[in-house]
C-alpha atoms as a PDB file:
ATOM      1  CA  MET A   1     -54.739  88.179  91.123  1.00  0.00           C
ATOM      2  CA  THR A   2     -51.686  85.513  92.480  1.00  0.00           C
ATOM      3  CA  GLY A   3     -50.150  84.875  88.876  1.00  0.00           C
ATOM      4  CA  LYS A   4     -51.035  81.866  89.310  1.00  0.00           C
ATOM      5  CA  GLU A   5     -51.849  80.478  85.674  1.00  0.00           C
ATOM      6  CA  PRO A   6     -55.548  78.719  85.734  1.00  0.00           C
ATOM      7  CA  SER A   7     -56.132  75.173  86.821  1.00  0.00           C
ATOM      8  CA  ILE A   8     -57.500  73.296  84.214  1.00  0.00           C
ATOM      9  CA  ALA A   9     -60.727  70.882  85.720  1.00  0.00           C
ATOM     10  CA  VAL A  10     -60.193  67.539  84.433  1.00  0.00           C
ATOM     11  CA  PRO A  11     -63.272  64.914  84.625  1.00  0.00           C
ATOM     12  CA  PRO A  12     -63.205  61.075  85.825  1.00  0.00           C
ATOM     13  CA  GLY A  13     -60.904  58.719  83.862  1.00  0.00           C
ATOM     14  CA  ALA A  14     -59.661  61.695  81.733  1.00  0.00           C
ATOM     15  CA  GLU A  15     -56.167  62.281  80.902  1.00  0.00           C
ATOM     16  CA  ALA A  16     -54.855  65.385  82.112  1.00  0.00           C
ATOM     17  CA  PRO A  17     -53.587  67.045  78.651  1.00  0.00           C
ATOM     18  CA  VAL A  18     -49.477  67.427  78.995  1.00  0.00           C
ATOM     19  CA  ARG A  19     -47.985  71.008  77.270  1.00  0.00           C
ATOM     20  CA  THR A  20     -45.673  69.999  75.148  1.00  0.00           C
ATOM     21  CA  THR A  21     -42.660  71.607  73.684  1.00  0.00           C
ATOM     22  CA  GLN A  22     -41.545  72.062  69.758  1.00  0.00           C
ATOM     23  CA  PRO A  23     -38.540  70.939  69.377  1.00  0.00           C
ATOM     24  CA  VAL A  24     -35.661  73.727  68.094  1.00  0.00           C
ATOM     25  CA  ASP A  25     -33.167  71.444  65.496  1.00  0.00           C
ATOM     26  CA  LEU A  26     -29.638  72.860  65.094  1.00  0.00           C
ATOM     27  CA  LYS A  27     -31.033  74.892  61.713  1.00  0.00           C
ATOM     28  CA  THR A  28     -33.345  77.428  62.509  1.00  0.00           C
ATOM     29  CA  ARG A  29     -31.073  77.882  66.040  1.00  0.00           C
ATOM     30  CA  ILE A  30     -28.250  79.185  63.161  1.00  0.00           C
ATOM     31  CA  GLU A  31     -30.541  80.846  61.422  1.00  0.00           C
ATOM     32  CA  THR A  32     -31.868  82.383  64.745  1.00  0.00           C
ATOM     33  CA  VAL A  33     -28.174  82.908  65.799  1.00  0.00           C
ATOM     34  CA  LEU A  34     -27.197  84.349  62.076  1.00  0.00           C
ATOM     35  CA  ALA A  35     -30.432  87.063  61.562  1.00  0.00           C
ATOM     36  CA  THR A  36     -29.924  88.666  65.739  1.00  0.00           C
ATOM     37  CA  VAL A  37     -26.248  89.030  64.443  1.00  0.00           C
ATOM     38  CA  PHE A  38     -27.810  90.028  61.768  1.00  0.00           C
ATOM     39  CA  GLY A  39     -30.145  93.100  62.052  1.00  0.00           C
ATOM     40  CA  ALA A  40     -27.786  93.627  64.970  1.00  0.00           C
ATOM     41  CA  ILE A  41     -25.582  94.719  62.550  1.00  0.00           C
ATOM     42  CA  PHE A  42     -27.461  97.480  60.588  1.00  0.00           C
ATOM     43  CA  LEU A  43     -29.728  98.147  63.449  1.00  0.00           C
ATOM     44  CA  GLY A  44     -26.286  99.525  65.672  1.00  0.00           C
ATOM     45  CA  LEU A  45     -24.780 101.394  61.728  1.00  0.00           C
ATOM     46  CA  ALA A  46     -28.629 102.445  61.597  1.00  0.00           C
ATOM     47  CA  ALA A  47     -28.039 104.687  64.899  1.00  0.00           C
ATOM     48  CA  ILE A  48     -24.687 105.366  63.845  1.00  0.00           C
ATOM     49  CA  VAL A  49     -25.963 107.516  61.089  1.00  0.00           C
ATOM     50  CA  THR A  50     -28.470 109.355  62.843  1.00  0.00           C
ATOM     51  CA  THR A  51     -26.613 110.257  65.263  1.00  0.00           C
ATOM     52  CA  GLU A  52     -23.860 111.523  62.587  1.00  0.00           C
ATOM     53  CA  THR A  53     -26.576 113.258  60.877  1.00  0.00           C
ATOM     54  CA  ALA A  54     -28.189 114.787  63.690  1.00  0.00           C
ATOM     55  CA  ALA A  55     -24.808 116.191  65.141  1.00  0.00           C
ATOM     56  CA  ARG A  56     -24.084 117.965  61.761  1.00  0.00           C
ATOM     57  CA  LYS A  57     -27.066 119.551  61.710  1.00  0.00           C
ATOM     58  CA  LEU A  58     -27.536 120.425  64.868  1.00  0.00           C
ATOM     59  CA  PHE A  59     -23.252 121.198  66.887  1.00  0.00           C
ATOM     60  CA  ASN A  60     -21.710 121.418  62.814  1.00  0.00           C
ATOM     61  CA  VAL A  61     -19.576 118.305  63.872  1.00  0.00           C
ATOM     62  CA  SER A  62     -19.028 114.403  62.803  1.00  0.00           C
ATOM     63  CA  LEU A  63     -17.737 111.482  63.450  1.00  0.00           C
ATOM     64  CA  GLN A  64     -15.161 111.636  60.694  1.00  0.00           C
ATOM     65  CA  GLY A  65     -16.180 107.676  60.055  1.00  0.00           C
ATOM     66  CA  ALA A  66     -19.820 106.263  59.735  1.00  0.00           C
ATOM     67  CA  ASP A  67     -18.659 105.534  56.080  1.00  0.00           C
ATOM     68  CA  GLU A  68     -16.114 103.535  56.488  1.00  0.00           C
ATOM     69  CA  LEU A  69     -18.177 101.491  59.607  1.00  0.00           C
ATOM     70  CA  GLY A  70     -21.033 101.513  57.032  1.00  0.00           C
ATOM     71  CA  GLY A  71     -18.726  99.786  54.769  1.00  0.00           C
ATOM     72  CA  TYR A  72     -17.959  97.024  56.985  1.00  0.00           C
ATOM     73  CA  ALA A  73     -21.543  97.011  57.887  1.00  0.00           C
ATOM     74  CA  LEU A  74     -22.365  96.425  54.251  1.00  0.00           C
ATOM     75  CA  ALA A  75     -19.385  93.798  54.097  1.00  0.00           C
ATOM     76  CA  VAL A  76     -19.665  91.306  56.845  1.00  0.00           C
ATOM     77  CA  GLY A  77     -23.955  91.294  56.989  1.00  0.00           C
ATOM     78  CA  SER A  78     -22.807  89.714  53.082  1.00  0.00           C
ATOM     79  CA  THR A  79     -21.297  87.219  54.183  1.00  0.00           C
ATOM     80  CA  ILE A  80     -23.914  86.386  56.443  1.00  0.00           C
ATOM     81  CA  ALA A  81     -26.676  87.378  53.854  1.00  0.00           C
ATOM     82  CA  PHE A  82     -25.062  84.720  52.472  1.00  0.00           C
ATOM     83  CA  SER A  83     -25.608  82.199  55.198  1.00  0.00           C
ATOM     84  CA  LEU A  84     -28.783  82.547  55.003  1.00  0.00           C
ATOM     85  CA  ALA A  85     -30.211  82.760  52.121  1.00  0.00           C
ATOM     86  CA  LEU A  86     -28.666  78.530  52.113  1.00  0.00           C
ATOM     87  CA  MET A  87     -30.478  77.502  54.911  1.00  0.00           C
ATOM     88  CA  GLY A  88     -33.693  79.456  53.257  1.00  0.00           C
ATOM     89  CA  ARG A  89     -33.381  78.676  50.004  1.00  0.00           C
ATOM     90  CA  ASN A  90     -33.461  81.812  48.514  1.00  0.00           C
ATOM     91  CA  HIS A  91     -30.632  81.787  46.165  1.00  0.00           C
ATOM     92  CA  ILE A  92     -31.303  82.339  42.239  1.00  0.00           C
ATOM     93  CA  ARG A  93     -31.970  78.870  39.910  1.00  0.00           C
ATOM     94  CA  VAL A  94     -32.645  78.528  36.456  1.00  0.00           C
ATOM     95  CA  ASP A  95     -35.637  75.780  37.212  1.00  0.00           C
ATOM     96  CA  VAL A  96     -37.385  76.858  33.365  1.00  0.00           C
ATOM     97  CA  PHE A  97     -37.007  72.906  33.341  1.00  0.00           C
ATOM     98  CA  HIS A  98     -36.295  71.181  36.351  1.00  0.00           C
ATOM     99  CA  GLU A  99     -39.775  70.434  36.460  1.00  0.00           C
ATOM    100  CA  LYS A 100     -39.778  69.107  33.575  1.00  0.00           C
ATOM    101  CA  PHE A 101     -36.742  66.171  34.612  1.00  0.00           C
ATOM    102  CA  SER A 102     -37.881  62.677  36.561  1.00  0.00           C
ATOM    103  CA  PRO A 103     -37.830  62.804  40.080  1.00  0.00           C
ATOM    104  CA  ARG A 104     -33.935  61.240  40.155  1.00  0.00           C
ATOM    105  CA  ALA A 105     -32.658  63.719  37.642  1.00  0.00           C
ATOM    106  CA  GLN A 106     -33.352  66.460  39.302  1.00  0.00           C
ATOM    107  CA  ALA A 107     -31.967  64.845  42.523  1.00  0.00           C
ATOM    108  CA  VAL A 108     -29.421  64.889  40.694  1.00  0.00           C
ATOM    109  CA  LEU A 109     -29.942  68.692  39.351  1.00  0.00           C
ATOM    110  CA  ASN A 110     -30.526  69.556  43.028  1.00  0.00           C
ATOM    111  CA  TRP A 111     -27.299  67.227  44.688  1.00  0.00           C
ATOM    112  CA  ILE A 112     -24.552  68.594  41.473  1.00  0.00           C
ATOM    113  CA  SER A 113     -26.592  72.459  42.849  1.00  0.00           C
ATOM    114  CA  ILE A 114     -25.846  72.024  46.348  1.00  0.00           C
ATOM    115  CA  VAL A 115     -21.994  70.585  46.068  1.00  0.00           C
ATOM    116  CA  SER A 116     -21.256  73.145  43.120  1.00  0.00           C
ATOM    117  CA  LEU A 117     -22.363  75.596  46.136  1.00  0.00           C
ATOM    118  CA  ALA A 118     -19.999  73.606  48.819  1.00  0.00           C
ATOM    119  CA  ALA A 119     -17.041  74.071  46.696  1.00  0.00           C
ATOM    120  CA  PHE A 120     -17.345  77.452  45.948  1.00  0.00           C
ATOM    121  CA  ALA A 121     -17.885  78.604  48.982  1.00  0.00           C
ATOM    122  CA  VAL A 122     -14.394  77.535  49.671  1.00  0.00           C
ATOM    123  CA  PHE A 123     -12.943  78.255  47.691  1.00  0.00           C
ATOM    124  CA  ILE A 124     -14.305  82.212  48.603  1.00  0.00           C
ATOM    125  CA  ALA A 125     -12.379  81.187  52.062  1.00  0.00           C
ATOM    126  CA  TRP A 126      -9.444  79.576  50.360  1.00  0.00           C
ATOM    127  CA  VAL A 127      -8.597  83.423  48.746  1.00  0.00           C
ATOM    128  CA  ALA A 128     -10.509  85.542  51.620  1.00  0.00           C
ATOM    129  CA  PHE A 129      -7.366  84.086  54.302  1.00  0.00           C
ATOM    130  CA  LYS A 130      -4.723  84.274  51.501  1.00  0.00           C
ATOM    131  CA  VAL A 131      -5.839  88.469  52.020  1.00  0.00           C
ATOM    132  CA  ILE A 132      -6.273  87.802  55.240  1.00  0.00           C
ATOM    133  CA  GLY A 133      -2.222  86.744  55.599  1.00  0.00           C
ATOM    134  CA  ASP A 134      -1.807  89.907  52.822  1.00  0.00           C
ATOM    135  CA  THR A 135      -3.357  91.988  55.773  1.00  0.00           C
ATOM    136  CA  MET A 136      -0.517  90.534  58.559  1.00  0.00           C
ATOM    137  CA  ALA A 137       2.161  90.727  56.816  1.00  0.00           C
ATOM    138  CA  TYR A 138       2.100  94.236  55.652  1.00  0.00           C
ATOM    139  CA  ARG A 139       0.016  95.803  58.738  1.00  0.00           C
ATOM    140  CA  SER A 140      -2.197  97.629  56.991  1.00  0.00           C
ATOM    141  CA  THR A 141      -4.965 100.038  57.952  1.00  0.00           C
ATOM    142  CA  ALA A 142      -7.368 101.896  56.078  1.00  0.00           C
ATOM    143  CA  GLN A 143      -7.165 105.393  53.937  1.00  0.00           C
ATOM    144  CA  THR A 144      -9.448 106.940  56.417  1.00  0.00           C
ATOM    145  CA  PRO A 145      -8.990 109.144  59.572  1.00  0.00           C
ATOM    146  CA  TRP A 146      -9.141 106.927  61.955  1.00  0.00           C
ATOM    147  CA  ALA A 147      -6.546 103.892  60.421  1.00  0.00           C
ATOM    148  CA  THR A 148      -8.109 101.210  61.012  1.00  0.00           C
ATOM    149  CA  PRO A 149      -6.113  98.240  61.180  1.00  0.00           C
ATOM    150  CA  LEU A 150      -7.202  96.346  58.201  1.00  0.00           C
ATOM    151  CA  ILE A 151      -7.519  92.647  60.308  1.00  0.00           C
ATOM    152  CA  ILE A 152     -10.270  93.608  62.954  1.00  0.00           C
ATOM    153  CA  PRO A 153     -13.519  94.565  59.725  1.00  0.00           C
ATOM    154  CA  GLN A 154     -11.258  90.903  57.222  1.00  0.00           C
ATOM    155  CA  GLY A 155     -11.384  88.750  60.878  1.00  0.00           C
ATOM    156  CA  VAL A 156     -15.305  89.692  60.508  1.00  0.00           C
ATOM    157  CA  TRP A 157     -15.488  89.125  57.260  1.00  0.00           C
ATOM    158  CA  TYR A 158     -13.548  85.986  56.699  1.00  0.00           C
ATOM    159  CA  ALA A 159     -15.116  84.227  59.648  1.00  0.00           C
ATOM    160  CA  GLY A 160     -18.342  85.292  58.378  1.00  0.00           C
ATOM    161  CA  LEU A 161     -16.865  83.547  55.255  1.00  0.00           C
ATOM    162  CA  VAL A 162     -16.335  80.451  56.663  1.00  0.00           C
ATOM    163  CA  ILE A 163     -19.718  79.941  58.273  1.00  0.00           C
ATOM    164  CA  PHE A 164     -20.930  80.017  55.735  1.00  0.00           C
ATOM    165  CA  ALA A 165     -18.662  77.963  53.845  1.00  0.00           C
ATOM    166  CA  LEU A 166     -19.950  75.228  56.766  1.00  0.00           C
ATOM    167  CA  VAL A 167     -23.107  75.385  56.433  1.00  0.00           C
ATOM    168  CA  ALA A 168     -22.602  74.934  52.574  1.00  0.00           C
ATOM    169  CA  CYS A 169     -20.225  71.684  53.421  1.00  0.00           C
ATOM    170  CA  GLY A 170     -22.928  70.873  55.636  1.00  0.00           C
ATOM    171  CA  PHE A 171     -26.226  70.966  53.150  1.00  0.00           C
ATOM    172  CA  ALA A 172     -23.454  68.900  50.379  1.00  0.00           C
ATOM    173  CA  LEU A 173     -23.068  66.162  52.449  1.00  0.00           C
ATOM    174  CA  ARG A 174     -26.011  65.382  53.670  1.00  0.00           C
ATOM    175  CA  ALA A 175     -27.729  65.948  50.128  1.00  0.00           C
ATOM    176  CA  THR A 176     -24.845  62.835  49.316  1.00  0.00           C
ATOM    177  CA  ARG A 177     -25.998  61.309  51.777  1.00  0.00           C
ATOM    178  CA  LEU A 178     -29.208  61.296  51.190  1.00  0.00           C
ATOM    179  CA  LEU A 179     -28.773  60.723  47.429  1.00  0.00           C
ATOM    180  CA  PHE A 180     -26.140  57.392  47.578  1.00  0.00           C
ATOM    181  CA  SER A 181     -28.940  56.130  50.390  1.00  0.00           C
ATOM    182  CA  GLY A 182     -31.587  56.823  47.344  1.00  0.00           C
ATOM    183  CA  ASP A 183     -33.772  59.007  49.665  1.00  0.00           C
ATOM    184  CA  ILE A 184     -34.464  60.530  46.401  1.00  0.00           C
ATOM    185  CA  ALA A 185     -37.980  62.122  47.245  1.00  0.00           C
ATOM    186  CA  ARG A 186     -36.429  63.519  50.482  1.00  0.00           C
ATOM    187  CA  LEU A 187     -33.919  64.920  48.490  1.00  0.00           C
ATOM    188  CA  ASN A 188     -35.511  66.627  46.570  1.00  0.00           C
ATOM    189  CA  ALA A 189     -38.082  67.723  49.211  1.00  0.00           C
ATOM    190  CA  ASP A 190     -34.666  69.411  51.272  1.00  0.00           C
ATOM    191  CA  PHE A 191     -33.100  71.054  47.951  1.00  0.00           C
ATOM    192  CA  HIS A 192     -34.778  71.139  45.368  1.00  0.00           C
ATOM    193  CA  PRO A 193     -36.067  75.088  44.927  1.00  0.00           C
ATOM    194  CA  LYS A 194     -38.352  77.308  45.223  1.00  0.00           C
ATOM    195  CA  SER A 195     -41.604  77.230  43.846  1.00  0.00           C
ATOM    196  CA  ALA A 196     -43.461  80.588  43.373  1.00  0.00           C
ATOM    197  CA  LYS A 197     -46.332  78.357  45.329  1.00  0.00           C
ATOM    198  CA  GLU A 198     -44.248  77.567  47.982  1.00  0.00           C
ATOM    199  CA  GLU A 199     -42.678  81.404  48.563  1.00  0.00           C
ATOM    200  CA  LEU A 200     -47.084  82.225  47.834  1.00  0.00           C
ATOM    201  CA  LYS A 201     -47.794  79.849  50.660  1.00  0.00           C
ATOM    202  CA  GLU A 202     -44.292  81.306  53.417  1.00  0.00           C
ATOM    203  CA  GLU A 203     -45.935  85.089  52.135  1.00  0.00           C
ATOM    204  CA  LEU A 204     -48.394  84.413  52.512  1.00  0.00           C
ATOM    205  CA  ASP A 205     -48.315  82.665  56.139  1.00  0.00           C
ATOM    206  CA  ASP A 206     -46.069  85.613  57.052  1.00  0.00           C
ATOM    207  CA  LEU A 207     -49.264  88.140  56.642  1.00  0.00           C
ATOM    208  CA  VAL A 208     -51.832  85.713  58.943  1.00  0.00           C
ATOM    209  CA  VAL A 209     -48.139  85.747  61.541  1.00  0.00           C
ATOM    210  CA  ARG A 210     -48.348  89.064  61.301  1.00  0.00           C
ATOM    211  CA  GLN A 211     -52.389  89.924  61.594  1.00  0.00           C
ATOM    212  CA  ALA A 212     -52.497  87.402  64.398  1.00  0.00           C
ATOM    213  CA  ALA A 213     -49.536  89.362  66.790  1.00  0.00           C
ATOM    214  CA  GLU A 214     -51.128  93.032  65.986  1.00  0.00           C
ATOM    215  CA  GLY A 215     -55.206  91.223  67.290  1.00  0.00           C
ATOM    216  CA  ALA A 216     -52.751  90.824  70.597  1.00  0.00           C
ATOM    217  CA  LYS A 217     -51.987  94.060  70.862  1.00  0.00           C
ATOM    218  CA  GLN A 218     -55.320  95.878  70.059  1.00  0.00           C
END
């Protein structure tokens, strides 16, 4: 074994195969980073809770902060989930009559939906900024044994809200550009509510990937 990849014989006159890599777009990169941070937060929380439970049972000792960290993890994880749900088109929309409208009417509704969500995200970030200002002005601390300065968890929480607002505004700008350029088909394809067929296809595709991964391990 030399560690080199096996060479492929190419017939005379034929061109050698060219290996290509699928480019990763910015949206996928952002989703990957946010999903990784989201998973790391709750894996870390699970480790802390496990340690807390074992220490109480075995040594009658408590870390005095697992529940506090759980609240911070839930708050920060929720803001990250907002962005992930938006990029995955997983926010719930009432679409009983959506498919009955013409493509142009659907495009207008989809545009109103994403612009409204972006405006709401900016409003939340603005209100949260006032909360951060009050926390800094009063130097607030948590009413817990750790007496954590609240600016630390609230700062991370606010960063998640800002990311959500930026992502939503970026989507709203893209939808606006598609609407006014007349690209109705692309607008509807990228911003319409997920249908039951799409959700089923995603689940089946994910099942195929998991089965392939399990088969590779065996």
